N, C-alpha and C. Protein backbone atom coordinates (compact mmCIF):
# COMPACT_ATOMS: atom_id res chain seq x y z
N MET A 1 16.54 71.18 -110.98
CA MET A 1 17.45 72.08 -110.32
C MET A 1 18.26 71.24 -109.32
N VAL A 2 19.57 71.44 -109.30
CA VAL A 2 20.49 70.77 -108.35
C VAL A 2 20.77 71.72 -107.23
N LYS A 3 20.60 71.26 -106.04
CA LYS A 3 20.99 72.02 -104.86
C LYS A 3 22.28 71.46 -104.34
N VAL A 4 23.21 72.31 -103.95
CA VAL A 4 24.47 71.92 -103.40
C VAL A 4 24.55 72.32 -101.93
N TYR A 5 24.96 71.44 -101.07
CA TYR A 5 25.07 71.67 -99.69
C TYR A 5 26.53 71.66 -99.28
N GLN A 6 26.93 72.55 -98.41
CA GLN A 6 28.26 72.56 -97.89
C GLN A 6 28.18 72.40 -96.37
N GLY A 7 29.18 71.65 -95.87
CA GLY A 7 29.26 71.45 -94.44
C GLY A 7 30.62 70.98 -94.06
N GLY A 8 30.67 70.31 -92.97
CA GLY A 8 31.95 69.72 -92.52
C GLY A 8 32.30 70.15 -91.14
N SER A 9 32.86 69.22 -90.41
CA SER A 9 33.34 69.53 -89.09
C SER A 9 34.56 68.64 -88.82
N THR A 10 35.68 69.22 -88.48
CA THR A 10 36.88 68.48 -88.25
C THR A 10 36.78 67.69 -86.94
N GLY A 11 35.81 67.91 -86.12
CA GLY A 11 35.65 67.18 -84.87
C GLY A 11 34.96 65.83 -85.02
N LEU A 12 34.47 65.54 -86.23
CA LEU A 12 33.74 64.27 -86.41
C LEU A 12 34.54 63.03 -86.12
N VAL A 13 35.85 63.03 -86.50
CA VAL A 13 36.59 61.83 -86.27
C VAL A 13 36.68 61.54 -84.75
N GLN A 14 36.88 62.55 -83.94
CA GLN A 14 36.98 62.31 -82.52
C GLN A 14 35.62 61.88 -81.94
N GLN A 15 34.54 62.36 -82.55
CA GLN A 15 33.21 62.00 -82.08
C GLN A 15 32.71 60.64 -82.61
N ASN A 16 33.49 60.12 -83.57
CA ASN A 16 33.12 58.81 -84.22
C ASN A 16 31.74 58.85 -84.82
N LYS A 17 31.41 59.93 -85.49
CA LYS A 17 30.09 60.05 -86.16
C LYS A 17 30.27 59.88 -87.65
N LYS A 18 29.41 59.08 -88.25
CA LYS A 18 29.39 58.87 -89.66
C LYS A 18 30.74 58.42 -90.24
N VAL A 19 31.54 57.71 -89.51
CA VAL A 19 32.84 57.29 -89.96
C VAL A 19 32.66 55.85 -90.53
N PHE A 20 32.98 55.67 -91.82
CA PHE A 20 32.96 54.37 -92.45
C PHE A 20 34.22 53.58 -92.10
N PHE A 21 35.35 54.12 -92.34
CA PHE A 21 36.63 53.48 -91.96
C PHE A 21 37.68 54.55 -91.87
N LYS A 22 38.68 54.28 -91.11
CA LYS A 22 39.75 55.23 -90.90
C LYS A 22 40.88 54.93 -91.88
N SER A 23 41.30 55.97 -92.58
CA SER A 23 42.42 55.74 -93.47
C SER A 23 43.69 56.06 -92.72
N SER A 24 44.76 55.49 -93.22
CA SER A 24 46.05 55.72 -92.61
C SER A 24 46.94 56.61 -93.49
N SER A 25 48.24 56.56 -93.28
CA SER A 25 49.09 57.40 -94.02
C SER A 25 49.08 57.16 -95.53
N ARG A 26 49.57 58.03 -96.32
CA ARG A 26 49.49 57.93 -97.78
C ARG A 26 50.08 56.63 -98.29
N LYS A 27 51.19 56.10 -97.67
CA LYS A 27 51.77 54.94 -98.17
C LYS A 27 50.89 53.70 -98.08
N ASN A 28 49.83 53.77 -97.29
CA ASN A 28 48.87 52.71 -97.18
C ASN A 28 47.52 53.00 -97.83
N ASP A 29 47.52 54.00 -98.69
CA ASP A 29 46.27 54.47 -99.30
C ASP A 29 45.79 53.59 -100.47
N ASP A 30 46.59 52.65 -100.88
CA ASP A 30 46.20 51.89 -102.10
C ASP A 30 44.81 51.32 -101.96
N GLY A 31 43.93 51.71 -102.84
CA GLY A 31 42.59 51.22 -102.78
C GLY A 31 41.60 52.02 -102.01
N ILE A 32 42.07 52.94 -101.18
CA ILE A 32 41.18 53.77 -100.34
C ILE A 32 40.29 54.65 -101.23
N GLN A 33 40.89 55.19 -102.28
CA GLN A 33 40.07 56.01 -103.18
C GLN A 33 38.91 55.19 -103.77
N ARG A 34 39.20 54.00 -104.20
CA ARG A 34 38.15 53.11 -104.73
C ARG A 34 37.07 52.81 -103.70
N LYS A 35 37.50 52.54 -102.49
CA LYS A 35 36.51 52.22 -101.44
C LYS A 35 35.63 53.40 -101.18
N ILE A 36 36.22 54.56 -101.01
CA ILE A 36 35.44 55.78 -100.76
C ILE A 36 34.43 55.99 -101.90
N LYS A 37 34.88 55.98 -103.12
CA LYS A 37 33.98 56.19 -104.24
C LYS A 37 32.86 55.21 -104.31
N ASN A 38 33.17 53.92 -104.12
CA ASN A 38 32.14 52.92 -104.22
C ASN A 38 31.14 53.01 -103.07
N ILE A 39 31.56 53.31 -101.87
CA ILE A 39 30.62 53.45 -100.72
C ILE A 39 29.68 54.63 -101.01
N LEU A 40 30.23 55.78 -101.42
CA LEU A 40 29.41 56.96 -101.63
C LEU A 40 28.41 56.80 -102.80
N LYS A 41 28.92 56.16 -103.85
CA LYS A 41 28.01 55.97 -105.02
C LYS A 41 26.93 54.93 -104.69
N GLU A 42 27.26 53.95 -103.97
CA GLU A 42 26.26 52.93 -103.58
C GLU A 42 25.20 53.51 -102.62
N LYS A 43 25.67 54.26 -101.67
CA LYS A 43 24.76 54.81 -100.65
C LYS A 43 23.93 55.97 -101.14
N PHE A 44 24.48 56.81 -101.99
CA PHE A 44 23.83 58.10 -102.41
C PHE A 44 23.60 58.23 -103.90
N SER A 45 24.04 57.31 -104.68
CA SER A 45 23.81 57.30 -106.16
C SER A 45 24.42 58.52 -106.82
N PHE A 46 25.62 58.97 -106.37
CA PHE A 46 26.27 60.11 -107.04
C PHE A 46 26.77 59.74 -108.39
N ASP A 47 26.74 60.71 -109.31
CA ASP A 47 27.37 60.55 -110.60
C ASP A 47 28.88 60.61 -110.48
N LEU A 48 29.37 61.54 -109.63
CA LEU A 48 30.77 61.75 -109.47
C LEU A 48 31.19 61.91 -108.03
N VAL A 49 32.37 61.37 -107.71
CA VAL A 49 32.96 61.57 -106.40
C VAL A 49 34.36 62.15 -106.58
N ILE A 50 34.55 63.32 -105.96
CA ILE A 50 35.83 64.04 -106.10
C ILE A 50 36.54 64.07 -104.77
N MET A 51 37.79 63.63 -104.67
CA MET A 51 38.47 63.47 -103.44
C MET A 51 39.76 64.22 -103.36
N HIS A 52 40.00 64.91 -102.24
CA HIS A 52 41.20 65.64 -101.99
C HIS A 52 42.26 64.67 -101.50
N PHE A 53 43.37 64.56 -102.23
CA PHE A 53 44.51 63.74 -101.81
C PHE A 53 45.76 64.58 -102.08
N GLY A 54 46.47 64.96 -101.03
CA GLY A 54 47.66 65.76 -101.15
C GLY A 54 47.36 67.16 -101.71
N GLY A 55 48.03 67.54 -102.77
CA GLY A 55 47.82 68.88 -103.34
C GLY A 55 46.80 68.92 -104.48
N PHE A 56 46.06 67.85 -104.64
CA PHE A 56 45.13 67.81 -105.77
C PHE A 56 43.78 67.19 -105.33
N PHE A 57 42.80 67.43 -106.17
CA PHE A 57 41.59 66.67 -106.12
C PHE A 57 41.67 65.61 -107.19
N ILE A 58 41.35 64.37 -106.82
CA ILE A 58 41.44 63.28 -107.80
C ILE A 58 40.08 62.73 -108.07
N ILE A 59 39.95 62.18 -109.26
CA ILE A 59 38.73 61.53 -109.71
C ILE A 59 39.21 60.21 -110.29
N ILE A 60 38.53 59.08 -110.03
CA ILE A 60 39.07 57.80 -110.47
C ILE A 60 38.03 57.08 -111.29
N GLU A 61 38.53 56.09 -112.06
CA GLU A 61 37.77 55.15 -112.83
C GLU A 61 36.78 55.86 -113.76
N GLU A 62 35.49 55.50 -113.70
CA GLU A 62 34.48 56.01 -114.60
C GLU A 62 34.30 57.55 -114.42
N ASP A 63 34.56 58.01 -113.18
CA ASP A 63 34.45 59.45 -112.95
C ASP A 63 35.61 60.20 -113.64
N ALA A 64 36.76 59.59 -113.67
CA ALA A 64 37.93 60.15 -114.43
C ALA A 64 37.60 60.19 -115.90
N ASP A 65 36.93 59.11 -116.41
CA ASP A 65 36.56 59.06 -117.80
C ASP A 65 35.64 60.22 -118.18
N TYR A 66 34.68 60.58 -117.28
CA TYR A 66 33.81 61.71 -117.52
C TYR A 66 34.62 63.01 -117.60
N PHE A 67 35.55 63.22 -116.68
CA PHE A 67 36.38 64.44 -116.72
C PHE A 67 37.26 64.48 -117.95
N HIS A 68 37.74 63.32 -118.37
CA HIS A 68 38.55 63.28 -119.57
C HIS A 68 37.70 63.67 -120.78
N LYS A 69 36.51 63.10 -120.92
CA LYS A 69 35.62 63.40 -122.07
C LYS A 69 35.11 64.84 -122.00
N GLU A 70 34.68 65.25 -120.89
CA GLU A 70 33.97 66.57 -120.71
C GLU A 70 34.94 67.72 -120.73
N PHE A 71 36.07 67.55 -119.99
CA PHE A 71 37.04 68.70 -119.76
C PHE A 71 38.39 68.48 -120.33
N LYS A 72 38.57 67.34 -121.06
CA LYS A 72 39.87 67.02 -121.69
C LYS A 72 40.96 66.82 -120.66
N PHE A 73 40.64 66.30 -119.49
CA PHE A 73 41.64 65.96 -118.50
C PHE A 73 42.48 64.80 -118.95
N LYS A 74 43.76 64.83 -118.64
CA LYS A 74 44.61 63.68 -118.95
C LYS A 74 44.33 62.56 -117.98
N LEU A 75 44.32 61.34 -118.45
CA LEU A 75 44.18 60.18 -117.59
C LEU A 75 45.55 59.58 -117.36
N PHE A 76 45.77 59.14 -116.14
CA PHE A 76 47.06 58.52 -115.79
C PHE A 76 46.85 57.37 -114.79
N GLN A 77 47.83 56.53 -114.69
CA GLN A 77 47.71 55.46 -113.68
C GLN A 77 48.95 55.53 -112.83
N PRO A 78 48.76 56.06 -111.57
CA PRO A 78 49.86 56.10 -110.66
C PRO A 78 50.45 54.72 -110.43
N GLY A 79 51.76 54.65 -110.31
CA GLY A 79 52.54 53.41 -110.33
C GLY A 79 51.90 52.26 -109.51
N ARG A 80 51.43 52.52 -108.33
CA ARG A 80 50.97 51.40 -107.48
C ARG A 80 49.50 51.07 -107.63
N TYR A 81 48.75 51.91 -108.39
CA TYR A 81 47.34 51.68 -108.48
C TYR A 81 46.96 50.82 -109.67
N THR A 82 45.83 50.22 -109.64
CA THR A 82 45.39 49.37 -110.73
C THR A 82 44.26 50.06 -111.56
N TYR A 83 43.99 51.30 -111.27
CA TYR A 83 42.96 52.06 -111.99
C TYR A 83 43.50 53.39 -112.42
N HIS A 84 42.80 54.03 -113.32
CA HIS A 84 43.25 55.30 -113.90
C HIS A 84 42.61 56.44 -113.10
N VAL A 85 43.28 57.60 -113.19
CA VAL A 85 42.98 58.72 -112.39
C VAL A 85 43.03 60.01 -113.25
N ALA A 86 42.24 60.97 -112.90
CA ALA A 86 42.37 62.36 -113.45
C ALA A 86 42.46 63.28 -112.18
N SER A 87 43.06 64.44 -112.34
CA SER A 87 43.20 65.28 -111.16
C SER A 87 43.24 66.75 -111.59
N PHE A 88 43.00 67.59 -110.55
CA PHE A 88 43.16 69.02 -110.77
C PHE A 88 43.62 69.65 -109.45
N PRO A 89 44.38 70.77 -109.55
CA PRO A 89 44.91 71.41 -108.36
C PRO A 89 43.82 71.97 -107.43
N LEU A 90 44.14 72.08 -106.18
CA LEU A 90 43.16 72.52 -105.15
C LEU A 90 42.58 73.91 -105.46
N LYS A 91 43.33 74.72 -106.11
CA LYS A 91 42.87 76.10 -106.32
C LYS A 91 41.69 76.16 -107.29
N TYR A 92 41.42 75.08 -108.03
CA TYR A 92 40.29 75.05 -108.95
C TYR A 92 39.04 74.38 -108.35
N ARG A 93 39.02 74.22 -107.08
CA ARG A 93 37.93 73.54 -106.36
C ARG A 93 36.59 74.16 -106.71
N GLN A 94 36.44 75.47 -106.48
CA GLN A 94 35.16 76.19 -106.71
C GLN A 94 34.80 76.15 -108.17
N LYS A 95 35.77 76.28 -109.06
CA LYS A 95 35.48 76.27 -110.51
C LYS A 95 34.73 75.05 -110.91
N TYR A 96 35.23 73.85 -110.48
CA TYR A 96 34.57 72.63 -110.89
C TYR A 96 33.26 72.35 -110.14
N ILE A 97 33.21 72.87 -108.94
CA ILE A 97 31.89 72.78 -108.21
C ILE A 97 30.83 73.51 -109.03
N ASP A 98 31.16 74.74 -109.44
CA ASP A 98 30.21 75.57 -110.20
C ASP A 98 29.84 74.92 -111.53
N ILE A 99 30.85 74.39 -112.24
CA ILE A 99 30.60 73.70 -113.52
C ILE A 99 29.67 72.50 -113.35
N LEU A 100 29.95 71.68 -112.37
CA LEU A 100 29.10 70.48 -112.16
C LEU A 100 27.70 70.86 -111.76
N ILE A 101 27.54 71.92 -111.01
CA ILE A 101 26.23 72.42 -110.63
C ILE A 101 25.48 72.80 -111.89
N SER A 102 26.13 73.60 -112.75
CA SER A 102 25.49 74.06 -114.01
C SER A 102 25.13 72.91 -114.93
N LYS A 103 25.85 71.81 -114.85
CA LYS A 103 25.56 70.61 -115.68
C LYS A 103 24.56 69.65 -114.96
N GLU A 104 24.10 70.06 -113.78
CA GLU A 104 23.13 69.30 -113.02
C GLU A 104 23.61 67.85 -112.71
N LYS A 105 24.83 67.73 -112.35
CA LYS A 105 25.42 66.46 -111.99
C LYS A 105 25.23 66.24 -110.48
N GLU A 106 24.94 64.98 -110.12
CA GLU A 106 24.86 64.65 -108.69
C GLU A 106 26.35 64.27 -108.29
N PHE A 107 26.85 65.01 -107.34
CA PHE A 107 28.26 64.81 -106.96
C PHE A 107 28.49 65.09 -105.52
N CYS A 108 29.69 64.69 -105.06
CA CYS A 108 30.14 65.09 -103.71
C CYS A 108 31.66 65.34 -103.82
N LEU A 109 32.15 66.17 -102.92
CA LEU A 109 33.54 66.52 -102.85
C LEU A 109 33.99 66.29 -101.42
N LEU A 110 35.09 65.58 -101.26
CA LEU A 110 35.65 65.31 -99.94
C LEU A 110 36.96 66.13 -99.74
N ASP A 111 37.09 66.79 -98.61
CA ASP A 111 38.28 67.52 -98.27
C ASP A 111 39.09 66.63 -97.31
N GLN A 112 40.43 66.84 -97.38
CA GLN A 112 41.32 66.02 -96.58
C GLN A 112 41.88 66.84 -95.42
N TYR A 113 41.97 66.19 -94.28
CA TYR A 113 42.53 66.83 -93.06
C TYR A 113 43.55 65.88 -92.45
N GLN A 114 44.64 66.47 -91.96
CA GLN A 114 45.66 65.67 -91.28
C GLN A 114 45.29 65.60 -89.81
N ILE A 115 45.50 64.41 -89.20
CA ILE A 115 45.32 64.26 -87.76
C ILE A 115 46.50 64.85 -87.10
N GLU A 116 46.21 65.74 -86.16
CA GLU A 116 47.25 66.51 -85.50
C GLU A 116 48.31 65.57 -84.89
N GLY A 117 49.59 65.86 -85.18
CA GLY A 117 50.70 65.13 -84.64
C GLY A 117 50.90 63.75 -85.24
N LYS A 118 50.21 63.45 -86.30
CA LYS A 118 50.39 62.11 -86.96
C LYS A 118 50.51 62.32 -88.45
N GLU A 119 51.00 61.26 -89.10
CA GLU A 119 51.04 61.27 -90.57
C GLU A 119 49.85 60.56 -91.16
N GLU A 120 48.71 60.75 -90.49
CA GLU A 120 47.47 60.13 -90.92
C GLU A 120 46.45 61.21 -91.34
N PHE A 121 45.57 60.82 -92.27
CA PHE A 121 44.60 61.74 -92.79
C PHE A 121 43.19 61.17 -92.69
N TYR A 122 42.20 62.06 -92.72
CA TYR A 122 40.87 61.62 -92.90
C TYR A 122 40.19 62.54 -93.86
N ARG A 123 39.12 62.17 -94.45
CA ARG A 123 38.40 62.89 -95.46
C ARG A 123 36.94 63.06 -95.11
N ILE A 124 36.41 64.24 -95.33
CA ILE A 124 34.99 64.51 -94.99
C ILE A 124 34.30 65.03 -96.21
N VAL A 125 33.08 64.57 -96.44
CA VAL A 125 32.23 65.12 -97.50
C VAL A 125 31.76 66.50 -97.04
N ASN A 126 32.33 67.55 -97.69
CA ASN A 126 32.06 68.91 -97.34
C ASN A 126 31.14 69.59 -98.36
N VAL A 127 31.03 69.04 -99.60
CA VAL A 127 30.23 69.59 -100.58
C VAL A 127 29.45 68.43 -101.22
N SER A 128 28.13 68.59 -101.36
CA SER A 128 27.34 67.49 -101.85
C SER A 128 26.02 68.03 -102.47
N THR A 129 25.56 67.34 -103.46
CA THR A 129 24.23 67.68 -104.00
C THR A 129 23.13 67.01 -103.14
N GLN A 130 23.52 66.22 -102.18
CA GLN A 130 22.58 65.55 -101.27
C GLN A 130 22.96 65.92 -99.84
N LYS A 131 22.11 66.58 -99.17
CA LYS A 131 22.41 67.05 -97.79
C LYS A 131 22.76 65.92 -96.85
N LYS A 132 22.08 64.79 -97.00
CA LYS A 132 22.36 63.67 -96.09
C LYS A 132 23.74 63.05 -96.20
N ALA A 133 24.46 63.40 -97.28
CA ALA A 133 25.83 62.88 -97.43
C ALA A 133 26.89 63.74 -96.71
N LEU A 134 26.49 64.95 -96.32
CA LEU A 134 27.47 65.86 -95.66
C LEU A 134 27.97 65.22 -94.41
N ASP A 135 29.21 65.46 -94.14
CA ASP A 135 29.91 65.08 -92.93
C ASP A 135 30.26 63.57 -92.86
N PHE A 136 30.00 62.81 -93.93
CA PHE A 136 30.48 61.40 -93.91
C PHE A 136 31.97 61.48 -93.94
N THR A 137 32.61 60.70 -93.10
CA THR A 137 34.07 60.77 -92.83
C THR A 137 34.71 59.43 -93.17
N PHE A 138 35.86 59.54 -93.81
CA PHE A 138 36.64 58.35 -94.19
C PHE A 138 38.05 58.50 -93.66
């Protein structure tokens, strides 16, 4: 049985708790997705890492391959990236959480927040099959 935990606090960045690195504006995001995925998979052994970027949740590399095979997602390579990506709109967040739970996948989902008054973002693990991963901030 897979248990899913939900959490999150937008105050974590100001408190400097569980912050691995601070991301900057989207134009400097090249490679941030890969860093986030690799850190979370190494630390928590997740099967899948799903990240909120802009108006979509994105899945990269081997995780995108899983979504392509399992759900027939299209794979694409955004112009500046060196890896392939799959994505789905924000409104399907709960749908894929429920599906992954039913498939007993170990996963986490990060939500994106904008820093007030800046063009910078941070991401927090708000959904996870491992409670100890909640609130990790990037």
